[in-house]
């Protein structure tokens, strides 16, 4: 599979943790080139279900690039589904 990142190489970095109960969290550091303030951080909480075929995620905190006041209120969620057949792998 040939994929290209949507951000310039090395700009975004992050970590994630998956717990034994299929909940987890991740932090994405946007590393946006800004003259001052935060370079941007997204904190996400998620749950994995349906045998790993579905992930429901909620942005729990967002600090936009350039922010000098810290995290901003957000109401963002996403649902991700694996659509390929198990036989495809």
C-alpha atoms as a PDB file:
ATOM      1  CA  UNK A   1       0.000   0.000   0.000  1.00  0.00           C
ATOM      2  CA  UNK A   2       1.410   3.357  -0.998  1.00  0.00           C
ATOM      3  CA  UNK A   3       0.326   6.137   1.354  1.00  0.00           C
ATOM      4  CA  UNK A   4       1.410   9.728   1.713  1.00  0.00           C
ATOM      5  CA  UNK A   5       1.036  11.692   4.900  1.00  0.00           C
ATOM      6  CA  UNK A   6      -1.174  14.792   4.709  1.00  0.00           C
ATOM      7  CA  UNK A   7       1.344  16.798   6.738  1.00  0.00           C
ATOM      8  CA  UNK A   8       4.914  17.664   5.774  1.00  0.00           C
ATOM      9  CA  UNK A   9       7.345  14.900   6.743  1.00  0.00           C
ATOM     10  CA  UNK A  10       8.176  15.037  10.438  1.00  0.00           C
ATOM     11  CA  UNK A  11       5.651  17.745  11.243  1.00  0.00           C
ATOM     12  CA  UNK A  12       3.122  15.650  13.169  1.00  0.00           C
ATOM     13  CA  UNK A  13       4.083  13.182  15.861  1.00  0.00           C
ATOM     14  CA  UNK A  14       2.080  11.396  18.486  1.00  0.00           C
ATOM     15  CA  UNK A  15       1.598   8.556  20.888  1.00  0.00           C
ATOM     16  CA  UNK A  16      -1.304   6.278  21.745  1.00  0.00           C
ATOM     17  CA  UNK A  17      -2.276   3.770  24.414  1.00  0.00           C
ATOM     18  CA  UNK A  18      -4.810   0.940  24.147  1.00  0.00           C
ATOM     19  CA  UNK A  19      -6.074  -0.536  27.430  1.00  0.00           C
ATOM     20  CA  UNK A  20      -7.162  -4.142  28.008  1.00  0.00           C
ATOM     21  CA  UNK A  21     -10.839  -3.035  28.017  1.00  0.00           C
ATOM     22  CA  UNK A  22     -10.435  -1.661  24.436  1.00  0.00           C
ATOM     23  CA  UNK A  23     -10.491   1.985  25.497  1.00  0.00           C
ATOM     24  CA  UNK A  24      -7.572   4.213  24.743  1.00  0.00           C
ATOM     25  CA  UNK A  25      -6.158   7.644  24.230  1.00  0.00           C
ATOM     26  CA  UNK A  26      -3.804   9.408  21.873  1.00  0.00           C
ATOM     27  CA  UNK A  27      -1.989  12.706  21.667  1.00  0.00           C
ATOM     28  CA  UNK A  28      -1.103  14.268  18.319  1.00  0.00           C
ATOM     29  CA  UNK A  29       1.471  17.061  18.367  1.00  0.00           C
ATOM     30  CA  UNK A  30       0.863  19.139  15.244  1.00  0.00           C
ATOM     31  CA  UNK A  31       4.248  20.903  15.421  1.00  0.00           C
ATOM     32  CA  UNK A  32       2.907  23.720  13.244  1.00  0.00           C
ATOM     33  CA  UNK A  33       5.459  26.415  12.429  1.00  0.00           C
ATOM     34  CA  UNK A  34       4.078  29.413  14.320  1.00  0.00           C
ATOM     35  CA  UNK A  35       5.946  32.500  15.567  1.00  0.00           C
ATOM     36  CA  UNK A  36       4.646  32.146  19.140  1.00  0.00           C
ATOM     37  CA  UNK A  37       2.321  30.125  21.329  1.00  0.00           C
ATOM     38  CA  UNK A  38       1.412  26.468  21.078  1.00  0.00           C
ATOM     39  CA  UNK A  39       2.455  24.483  18.030  1.00  0.00           C
ATOM     40  CA  UNK A  40      -0.882  22.631  18.301  1.00  0.00           C
ATOM     41  CA  UNK A  41      -1.987  19.578  20.281  1.00  0.00           C
ATOM     42  CA  UNK A  42      -4.966  17.245  19.854  1.00  0.00           C
ATOM     43  CA  UNK A  43      -5.946  14.881  22.693  1.00  0.00           C
ATOM     44  CA  UNK A  44      -8.277  12.050  21.677  1.00  0.00           C
ATOM     45  CA  UNK A  45     -10.086   9.361  23.656  1.00  0.00           C
ATOM     46  CA  UNK A  46     -11.360   6.287  21.807  1.00  0.00           C
ATOM     47  CA  UNK A  47     -13.038   2.910  22.120  1.00  0.00           C
ATOM     48  CA  UNK A  48     -12.426  -0.080  19.862  1.00  0.00           C
ATOM     49  CA  UNK A  49     -15.377  -2.411  19.203  1.00  0.00           C
ATOM     50  CA  UNK A  50     -16.753  -5.055  16.848  1.00  0.00           C
ATOM     51  CA  UNK A  51     -13.630  -7.192  17.062  1.00  0.00           C
ATOM     52  CA  UNK A  52     -11.378  -4.291  16.091  1.00  0.00           C
ATOM     53  CA  UNK A  53     -13.439  -3.299  13.049  1.00  0.00           C
ATOM     54  CA  UNK A  54     -14.829  -0.076  14.599  1.00  0.00           C
ATOM     55  CA  UNK A  55     -13.209   2.831  16.452  1.00  0.00           C
ATOM     56  CA  UNK A  56     -15.266   5.633  18.001  1.00  0.00           C
ATOM     57  CA  UNK A  57     -13.154   8.637  18.903  1.00  0.00           C
ATOM     58  CA  UNK A  58     -13.778  11.940  20.659  1.00  0.00           C
ATOM     59  CA  UNK A  59     -11.469  14.943  20.726  1.00  0.00           C
ATOM     60  CA  UNK A  60     -11.191  15.597  24.442  1.00  0.00           C
ATOM     61  CA  UNK A  61      -8.966  18.652  24.177  1.00  0.00           C
ATOM     62  CA  UNK A  62      -7.643  20.824  21.347  1.00  0.00           C
ATOM     63  CA  UNK A  63      -4.982  23.493  21.558  1.00  0.00           C
ATOM     64  CA  UNK A  64      -4.795  25.241  18.179  1.00  0.00           C
ATOM     65  CA  UNK A  65      -1.480  26.291  16.681  1.00  0.00           C
ATOM     66  CA  UNK A  66      -0.545  29.776  17.840  1.00  0.00           C
ATOM     67  CA  UNK A  67      -2.747  29.620  20.950  1.00  0.00           C
ATOM     68  CA  UNK A  68      -1.459  31.467  23.978  1.00  0.00           C
ATOM     69  CA  UNK A  69      -4.543  30.730  26.101  1.00  0.00           C
ATOM     70  CA  UNK A  70      -4.435  26.916  26.170  1.00  0.00           C
ATOM     71  CA  UNK A  71      -7.027  24.343  25.112  1.00  0.00           C
ATOM     72  CA  UNK A  72     -10.211  25.466  23.350  1.00  0.00           C
ATOM     73  CA  UNK A  73     -13.702  23.971  23.720  1.00  0.00           C
ATOM     74  CA  UNK A  74     -14.467  21.362  21.081  1.00  0.00           C
ATOM     75  CA  UNK A  75     -17.305  19.032  20.077  1.00  0.00           C
ATOM     76  CA  UNK A  76     -15.621  16.720  17.617  1.00  0.00           C
ATOM     77  CA  UNK A  77     -16.097  12.982  17.215  1.00  0.00           C
ATOM     78  CA  UNK A  78     -15.468  10.414  14.507  1.00  0.00           C
ATOM     79  CA  UNK A  79     -16.361   6.814  13.721  1.00  0.00           C
ATOM     80  CA  UNK A  80     -13.898   4.736  11.761  1.00  0.00           C
ATOM     81  CA  UNK A  81     -14.821   1.378  10.215  1.00  0.00           C
ATOM     82  CA  UNK A  82     -12.673  -1.306   8.623  1.00  0.00           C
ATOM     83  CA  UNK A  83     -14.373  -2.014   5.305  1.00  0.00           C
ATOM     84  CA  UNK A  84     -12.020  -4.610   3.776  1.00  0.00           C
ATOM     85  CA  UNK A  85     -12.817  -8.283   4.080  1.00  0.00           C
ATOM     86  CA  UNK A  86     -10.699 -10.398   6.419  1.00  0.00           C
ATOM     87  CA  UNK A  87      -9.991 -12.532   3.337  1.00  0.00           C
ATOM     88  CA  UNK A  88      -8.229  -9.567   1.703  1.00  0.00           C
ATOM     89  CA  UNK A  89      -5.287  -9.867   4.091  1.00  0.00           C
END
